[in-house]
Amino acid sequence: MTWNEAQAYCREYHDDLSTASKEEAQLLSINPEVNNHYFWIGLRMVSKNIQKWSWSGGEDQITDYWDFLEPNILTEECGIVKKTNAKLHNVMCSLALPFYCMEVFEHQNKTWDEALNYCRQNYIDLVSLNSQINMEKVISITITSQTAYVWTGLRFMAGHWFWVNEDNLQYGSVSGELQCPARNLRCGALDKTRNIWQPKNCEEKLSFACLRKP
């Protein structure tokens, strides 16, 4: 999509076009699912001032990982990350490129069912951790959580684990093994310390992450 189309898509189905620290840009750049040499992030020039940039959400952009001689052309008003070195470039906003979106994190503490209902009423669903990129993005937005665990959309019912939004469950890093849990541990939460999911009691009150409502 173009930068404007990508921003509209992220705001409709998620939270916004992604911000990216230097470390996050490096992580996003190694995603094998993105075959293009470049991808959009939520970076845009402010008032045609090549020295002033902001994120899609309006925050001032403060970063030190522009590539050599970048930014360099006043008419190239949108920011991309170059996969080969995870550096920022400025390009024409009309290019069609892949992109990353951010999810929504809620600081409220709710049971798993309460969190699921809240996400479905106000957004789309509880978030899934179905890829390394998704895992890292959720970890990055839940740093400020006051609970050690964060609810995700992982649930054990009828003898198997599944994501409630029907995402693929085969991603290995969400768990060491998908075992049958104890009777009272049937909901999956992100363990922020070990960066894996853990089966938890569904009645515990934890923070949670949602996919944004269209």
C-alpha atoms as a PDB file:
ATOM      1  CA  MET A   1       0.000   0.000   0.000  1.00  0.00           C
ATOM      2  CA  THR A   2       0.969   3.667  -0.190  1.00  0.00           C
ATOM      3  CA  TRP A   3       1.867   5.333   3.118  1.00  0.00           C
ATOM      4  CA  ASN A   4      -1.590   6.955   3.396  1.00  0.00           C
ATOM      5  CA  GLU A   5      -3.342   3.682   2.568  1.00  0.00           C
ATOM      6  CA  ALA A   6      -1.199   1.829   5.105  1.00  0.00           C
ATOM      7  CA  GLN A   7      -1.986   4.418   7.786  1.00  0.00           C
ATOM      8  CA  ALA A   8      -5.729   4.160   7.059  1.00  0.00           C
ATOM      9  CA  TYR A   9      -5.583   0.355   7.155  1.00  0.00           C
ATOM     10  CA  CYS A  10      -3.702   0.272  10.476  1.00  0.00           C
ATOM     11  CA  ARG A  11      -6.075   2.782  12.052  1.00  0.00           C
ATOM     12  CA  GLU A  12      -9.078   0.782  10.877  1.00  0.00           C
ATOM     13  CA  TYR A  13      -7.962  -2.709  11.838  1.00  0.00           C
ATOM     14  CA  HIS A  14      -5.275  -2.176  14.493  1.00  0.00           C
ATOM     15  CA  ASP A  15      -4.060   0.942  16.331  1.00  0.00           C
ATOM     16  CA  ASP A  16      -1.819   2.903  13.958  1.00  0.00           C
ATOM     17  CA  LEU A  17       1.192   2.579  11.662  1.00  0.00           C
ATOM     18  CA  SER A  18       4.025   1.299  13.800  1.00  0.00           C
ATOM     19  CA  THR A  19       6.601   3.401  15.564  1.00  0.00           C
ATOM     20  CA  ALA A  20      10.038   1.753  15.664  1.00  0.00           C
ATOM     21  CA  SER A  21      13.045   2.266  17.878  1.00  0.00           C
ATOM     22  CA  LYS A  22      16.459   1.326  16.495  1.00  0.00           C
ATOM     23  CA  GLU A  23      16.202  -2.099  18.117  1.00  0.00           C
ATOM     24  CA  GLU A  24      12.650  -2.645  16.878  1.00  0.00           C
ATOM     25  CA  ALA A  25      13.651  -1.667  13.328  1.00  0.00           C
ATOM     26  CA  GLN A  26      16.381  -4.312  13.436  1.00  0.00           C
ATOM     27  CA  LEU A  27      13.884  -6.911  14.613  1.00  0.00           C
ATOM     28  CA  LEU A  28      11.306  -6.008  11.989  1.00  0.00           C
ATOM     29  CA  SER A  29      13.959  -6.111   9.272  1.00  0.00           C
ATOM     30  CA  ILE A  30      14.704  -9.807   9.800  1.00  0.00           C
ATOM     31  CA  ASN A  31      11.084 -10.888   9.317  1.00  0.00           C
ATOM     32  CA  PRO A  32      11.258 -13.439   6.439  1.00  0.00           C
ATOM     33  CA  GLU A  33       7.586 -12.800   5.584  1.00  0.00           C
ATOM     34  CA  VAL A  34       8.498  -9.358   4.194  1.00  0.00           C
ATOM     35  CA  ASN A  35      10.212  -9.978   0.846  1.00  0.00           C
ATOM     36  CA  ASN A  36      10.482  -6.331  -0.194  1.00  0.00           C
ATOM     37  CA  HIS A  37      13.742  -4.427   0.414  1.00  0.00           C
ATOM     38  CA  TYR A  38      11.850  -1.671   2.264  1.00  0.00           C
ATOM     39  CA  PHE A  39       8.767  -1.330   4.476  1.00  0.00           C
ATOM     40  CA  TRP A  40       6.693   1.554   5.822  1.00  0.00           C
ATOM     41  CA  ILE A  41       6.641   2.636   9.424  1.00  0.00           C
ATOM     42  CA  GLY A  42       4.571   5.522  10.780  1.00  0.00           C
ATOM     43  CA  LEU A  43       7.122   8.235  10.047  1.00  0.00           C
ATOM     44  CA  ARG A  44       6.213  11.427   8.176  1.00  0.00           C
ATOM     45  CA  MET A  45       7.863  14.787   7.505  1.00  0.00           C
ATOM     46  CA  VAL A  46       6.347  17.767   9.348  1.00  0.00           C
ATOM     47  CA  SER A  47       5.432  20.940   7.389  1.00  0.00           C
ATOM     48  CA  LYS A  48       7.893  20.122   4.568  1.00  0.00           C
ATOM     49  CA  ASN A  49      10.786  20.580   6.985  1.00  0.00           C
ATOM     50  CA  ILE A  50      13.355  17.892   6.187  1.00  0.00           C
ATOM     51  CA  GLN A  51      14.791  18.170   9.689  1.00  0.00           C
ATOM     52  CA  LYS A  52      11.468  17.618  11.449  1.00  0.00           C
ATOM     53  CA  TRP A  53       9.585  14.298  11.509  1.00  0.00           C
ATOM     54  CA  SER A  54       6.759  12.809  13.561  1.00  0.00           C
ATOM     55  CA  TRP A  55       5.120   9.452  14.087  1.00  0.00           C
ATOM     56  CA  SER A  56       1.689   8.681  12.653  1.00  0.00           C
ATOM     57  CA  GLY A  57       0.106   9.214  16.067  1.00  0.00           C
ATOM     58  CA  GLY A  58       1.495  12.781  16.248  1.00  0.00           C
ATOM     59  CA  GLU A  59       4.463  12.177  18.562  1.00  0.00           C
ATOM     60  CA  ASP A  60       7.760  13.842  17.671  1.00  0.00           C
ATOM     61  CA  GLN A  61      10.224  11.388  16.132  1.00  0.00           C
ATOM     62  CA  ILE A  62      13.486  11.181  18.040  1.00  0.00           C
ATOM     63  CA  THR A  63      15.871   8.615  16.568  1.00  0.00           C
ATOM     64  CA  ASP A  64      19.491   8.266  15.500  1.00  0.00           C
ATOM     65  CA  TYR A  65      19.313   5.544  12.873  1.00  0.00           C
ATOM     66  CA  TRP A  66      18.896   7.477   9.618  1.00  0.00           C
ATOM     67  CA  ASP A  67      21.080   6.000   6.882  1.00  0.00           C
ATOM     68  CA  PHE A  68      24.065   7.929   5.487  1.00  0.00           C
ATOM     69  CA  LEU A  69      22.931  11.179   3.755  1.00  0.00           C
ATOM     70  CA  GLU A  70      19.321  10.581   4.831  1.00  0.00           C
ATOM     71  CA  PRO A  71      16.850  12.290   4.909  1.00  0.00           C
ATOM     72  CA  ASN A  72      17.846  14.059   1.718  1.00  0.00           C
ATOM     73  CA  ILE A  73      14.983  15.138  -0.594  1.00  0.00           C
ATOM     74  CA  LEU A  74      12.261  17.575   0.472  1.00  0.00           C
ATOM     75  CA  THR A  75       9.553  15.979  -1.699  1.00  0.00           C
ATOM     76  CA  GLU A  76      10.121  12.540  -0.152  1.00  0.00           C
ATOM     77  CA  GLU A  77       7.942  13.013   2.911  1.00  0.00           C
ATOM     78  CA  CYS A  78       7.444   9.486   4.261  1.00  0.00           C
ATOM     79  CA  GLY A  79       9.756   7.205   6.200  1.00  0.00           C
ATOM     80  CA  ILE A  80      10.755   3.617   5.440  1.00  0.00           C
ATOM     81  CA  VAL A  81      13.154   1.088   6.925  1.00  0.00           C
ATOM     82  CA  LYS A  82      15.699  -0.541   4.603  1.00  0.00           C
ATOM     83  CA  LYS A  83      15.788  -4.257   5.415  1.00  0.00           C
ATOM     84  CA  THR A  84      19.463  -4.831   4.603  1.00  0.00           C
ATOM     85  CA  ASN A  85      20.740  -2.499   7.339  1.00  0.00           C
ATOM     86  CA  ALA A  86      17.597  -1.543   9.357  1.00  0.00           C
ATOM     87  CA  LYS A  87      18.251   2.151   8.618  1.00  0.00           C
ATOM     88  CA  LEU A  88      15.710   4.900   7.908  1.00  0.00           C
ATOM     89  CA  HIS A  89      15.245   6.433   4.445  1.00  0.00           C
ATOM     90  CA  ASN A  90      12.792   9.039   3.208  1.00  0.00           C
ATOM     91  CA  VAL A  91      10.863   8.293   0.002  1.00  0.00           C
ATOM     92  CA  MET A  92       7.783   9.380  -1.944  1.00  0.00           C
ATOM     93  CA  CYS A  93       4.617   8.556   0.006  1.00  0.00           C
ATOM     94  CA  SER A  94       3.003   7.161  -3.169  1.00  0.00           C
ATOM     95  CA  LEU A  95       5.201   4.028  -3.268  1.00  0.00           C
ATOM     96  CA  ALA A  96       3.412   0.714  -2.662  1.00  0.00           C
ATOM     97  CA  LEU A  97       5.242  -1.102   0.155  1.00  0.00           C
ATOM     98  CA  PRO A  98       4.563  -3.563   2.977  1.00  0.00           C
ATOM     99  CA  PHE A  99       4.104  -2.117   6.464  1.00  0.00           C
ATOM    100  CA  TYR A 100       3.663  -2.837  10.174  1.00  0.00           C
ATOM    101  CA  CYS A 101       0.783  -1.857  12.447  1.00  0.00           C
ATOM    102  CA  MET A 102       0.641  -1.471  16.240  1.00  0.00           C
ATOM    103  CA  GLU A 103      -1.855  -3.131  18.547  1.00  0.00           C
ATOM    104  CA  VAL A 104      -3.843  -1.736  21.499  1.00  0.00           C
ATOM    105  CA  PHE A 105      -2.745  -2.332  25.094  1.00  0.00           C
ATOM    106  CA  GLU A 106      -5.186  -1.917  27.973  1.00  0.00           C
ATOM    107  CA  HIS A 107      -3.888  -1.105  31.457  1.00  0.00           C
ATOM    108  CA  GLN A 108      -7.146  -2.308  33.017  1.00  0.00           C
ATOM    109  CA  ASN A 109      -7.014  -5.588  34.938  1.00  0.00           C
ATOM    110  CA  LYS A 110      -9.724  -8.080  33.995  1.00  0.00           C
ATOM    111  CA  THR A 111     -10.367 -11.814  33.998  1.00  0.00           C
ATOM    112  CA  TRP A 112      -9.756 -13.549  30.672  1.00  0.00           C
ATOM    113  CA  ASP A 113     -13.466 -13.616  29.792  1.00  0.00           C
ATOM    114  CA  GLU A 114     -13.882  -9.969  30.807  1.00  0.00           C
ATOM    115  CA  ALA A 115     -10.867  -9.026  28.672  1.00  0.00           C
ATOM    116  CA  LEU A 116     -12.235 -11.009  25.714  1.00  0.00           C
ATOM    117  CA  ASN A 117     -15.631  -9.313  25.980  1.00  0.00           C
ATOM    118  CA  TYR A 118     -14.030  -5.879  26.342  1.00  0.00           C
ATOM    119  CA  CYS A 119     -11.826  -6.373  23.266  1.00  0.00           C
ATOM    120  CA  ARG A 120     -14.718  -7.660  21.176  1.00  0.00           C
ATOM    121  CA  GLN A 121     -17.009  -4.819  22.231  1.00  0.00           C
ATOM    122  CA  ASN A 122     -14.455  -2.036  21.779  1.00  0.00           C
ATOM    123  CA  TYR A 123     -11.938  -3.395  19.264  1.00  0.00           C
ATOM    124  CA  ILE A 124     -11.820  -6.734  17.404  1.00  0.00           C
ATOM    125  CA  ASP A 125     -10.455  -9.460  19.678  1.00  0.00           C
ATOM    126  CA  LEU A 126      -7.786 -10.409  22.177  1.00  0.00           C
ATOM    127  CA  VAL A 127      -4.392 -10.381  20.446  1.00  0.00           C
ATOM    128  CA  SER A 128      -2.654 -13.547  19.238  1.00  0.00           C
ATOM    129  CA  LEU A 129       1.107 -14.245  19.423  1.00  0.00           C
ATOM    130  CA  ASN A 130       1.245 -16.159  16.150  1.00  0.00           C
ATOM    131  CA  SER A 131       4.673 -14.934  14.979  1.00  0.00           C
ATOM    132  CA  GLN A 132       7.969 -13.650  16.357  1.00  0.00           C
ATOM    133  CA  ILE A 133       7.101 -10.176  15.110  1.00  0.00           C
ATOM    134  CA  ASN A 134       3.720 -10.232  16.845  1.00  0.00           C
ATOM    135  CA  MET A 135       5.354 -11.511  20.022  1.00  0.00           C
ATOM    136  CA  GLU A 136       7.971  -8.746  20.052  1.00  0.00           C
ATOM    137  CA  LYS A 137       5.462  -5.986  19.268  1.00  0.00           C
ATOM    138  CA  VAL A 138       3.141  -7.096  22.076  1.00  0.00           C
ATOM    139  CA  ILE A 139       6.116  -7.326  24.454  1.00  0.00           C
ATOM    140  CA  SER A 140       7.142  -3.786  23.515  1.00  0.00           C
ATOM    141  CA  ILE A 141       3.694  -2.279  24.165  1.00  0.00           C
ATOM    142  CA  THR A 142       3.155  -4.142  27.452  1.00  0.00           C
ATOM    143  CA  ILE A 143       6.349  -2.960  29.165  1.00  0.00           C
ATOM    144  CA  THR A 144       4.328  -0.539  31.295  1.00  0.00           C
ATOM    145  CA  SER A 145       1.916  -3.237  32.481  1.00  0.00           C
ATOM    146  CA  GLN A 146       1.529  -3.413  36.247  1.00  0.00           C
ATOM    147  CA  THR A 147       0.927  -7.173  36.058  1.00  0.00           C
ATOM    148  CA  ALA A 148       3.688  -9.719  35.379  1.00  0.00           C
ATOM    149  CA  TYR A 149       1.428 -11.509  32.894  1.00  0.00           C
ATOM    150  CA  VAL A 150      -0.751 -10.109  30.094  1.00  0.00           C
ATOM    151  CA  TRP A 151      -3.808 -11.878  28.707  1.00  0.00           C
ATOM    152  CA  THR A 152      -3.720 -13.003  25.087  1.00  0.00           C
ATOM    153  CA  GLY A 153      -6.379 -14.681  22.961  1.00  0.00           C
ATOM    154  CA  LEU A 154      -5.113 -18.205  23.720  1.00  0.00           C
ATOM    155  CA  ARG A 155      -7.630 -20.634  25.218  1.00  0.00           C
ATOM    156  CA  PHE A 156      -7.816 -24.364  26.006  1.00  0.00           C
ATOM    157  CA  MET A 157     -11.186 -25.989  25.337  1.00  0.00           C
ATOM    158  CA  ALA A 158     -12.432 -29.338  24.031  1.00  0.00           C
ATOM    159  CA  GLY A 159      -8.992 -30.884  24.398  1.00  0.00           C
ATOM    160  CA  HIS A 160      -6.868 -28.385  22.491  1.00  0.00           C
ATOM    161  CA  TRP A 161      -5.319 -24.880  22.567  1.00  0.00           C
ATOM    162  CA  PHE A 162      -6.431 -22.306  20.005  1.00  0.00           C
ATOM    163  CA  TRP A 163      -6.332 -18.560  19.293  1.00  0.00           C
ATOM    164  CA  VAL A 164      -9.836 -17.131  19.627  1.00  0.00           C
ATOM    165  CA  ASN A 165      -9.385 -15.069  16.431  1.00  0.00           C
ATOM    166  CA  GLU A 166      -8.545 -18.328  14.555  1.00  0.00           C
ATOM    167  CA  ASP A 167      -4.904 -17.425  13.821  1.00  0.00           C
ATOM    168  CA  ASN A 168      -2.447 -20.244  13.118  1.00  0.00           C
ATOM    169  CA  LEU A 169      -1.231 -21.922  16.322  1.00  0.00           C
ATOM    170  CA  GLN A 170       1.930 -23.471  14.855  1.00  0.00           C
ATOM    171  CA  TYR A 171       4.341 -20.667  15.824  1.00  0.00           C
ATOM    172  CA  GLY A 172       6.837 -22.395  18.168  1.00  0.00           C
ATOM    173  CA  SER A 173       7.935 -19.516  20.401  1.00  0.00           C
ATOM    174  CA  VAL A 174       4.584 -19.091  22.087  1.00  0.00           C
ATOM    175  CA  SER A 175       5.248 -22.173  24.155  1.00  0.00           C
ATOM    176  CA  GLY A 176       7.761 -24.850  24.879  1.00  0.00           C
ATOM    177  CA  GLU A 177       5.092 -27.522  24.407  1.00  0.00           C
ATOM    178  CA  LEU A 178       1.343 -27.327  23.917  1.00  0.00           C
ATOM    179  CA  GLN A 179       0.412 -29.656  26.757  1.00  0.00           C
ATOM    180  CA  CYS A 180      -2.905 -30.383  28.406  1.00  0.00           C
ATOM    181  CA  PRO A 181      -3.013 -27.915  31.311  1.00  0.00           C
ATOM    182  CA  ALA A 182      -4.232 -28.331  34.858  1.00  0.00           C
ATOM    183  CA  ARG A 183      -8.011 -27.979  35.211  1.00  0.00           C
ATOM    184  CA  ASN A 184      -7.817 -24.384  36.488  1.00  0.00           C
ATOM    185  CA  LEU A 185      -5.142 -23.181  33.999  1.00  0.00           C
ATOM    186  CA  ARG A 186      -7.066 -22.930  30.722  1.00  0.00           C
ATOM    187  CA  CYS A 187      -6.208 -19.392  29.500  1.00  0.00           C
ATOM    188  CA  GLY A 188      -2.953 -18.221  27.911  1.00  0.00           C
ATOM    189  CA  ALA A 189      -1.058 -15.154  29.130  1.00  0.00           C
ATOM    190  CA  LEU A 190       2.232 -13.591  28.038  1.00  0.00           C
ATOM    191  CA  ASP A 191       4.958 -14.002  30.661  1.00  0.00           C
ATOM    192  CA  LYS A 192       6.781 -10.659  30.302  1.00  0.00           C
ATOM    193  CA  THR A 193       9.892 -11.923  32.112  1.00  0.00           C
ATOM    194  CA  ARG A 194      10.534 -14.997  29.954  1.00  0.00           C
ATOM    195  CA  ASN A 195       8.768 -13.750  26.796  1.00  0.00           C
ATOM    196  CA  ILE A 196       6.668 -16.898  26.391  1.00  0.00           C
ATOM    197  CA  TRP A 197       3.028 -17.647  27.066  1.00  0.00           C
ATOM    198  CA  GLN A 198       1.937 -19.443  30.212  1.00  0.00           C
ATOM    199  CA  PRO A 199      -1.328 -21.218  31.070  1.00  0.00           C
ATOM    200  CA  LYS A 200      -3.041 -19.220  33.809  1.00  0.00           C
ATOM    201  CA  ASN A 201      -6.233 -19.327  35.841  1.00  0.00           C
ATOM    202  CA  CYS A 202      -8.869 -17.580  33.705  1.00  0.00           C
ATOM    203  CA  GLU A 203     -10.249 -15.834  36.797  1.00  0.00           C
ATOM    204  CA  GLU A 204      -7.024 -13.939  37.496  1.00  0.00           C
ATOM    205  CA  LYS A 205      -7.254 -10.216  36.764  1.00  0.00           C
ATOM    206  CA  LEU A 206      -4.512  -9.189  34.329  1.00  0.00           C
ATOM    207  CA  SER A 207      -3.773  -6.473  31.783  1.00  0.00           C
ATOM    208  CA  PHE A 208      -4.433  -7.433  28.170  1.00  0.00           C
ATOM    209  CA  ALA A 209      -3.781  -6.529  24.524  1.00  0.00           C
ATOM    210  CA  CYS A 210      -6.465  -6.149  21.845  1.00  0.00           C
ATOM    211  CA  LEU A 211      -6.692  -5.981  18.084  1.00  0.00           C
ATOM    212  CA  ARG A 212      -8.297  -2.682  17.168  1.00  0.00           C
ATOM    213  CA  LYS A 213     -11.942  -2.522  16.040  1.00  0.00           C
ATOM    214  CA  PRO A 214     -12.632  -1.499  12.402  1.00  0.00           C
END
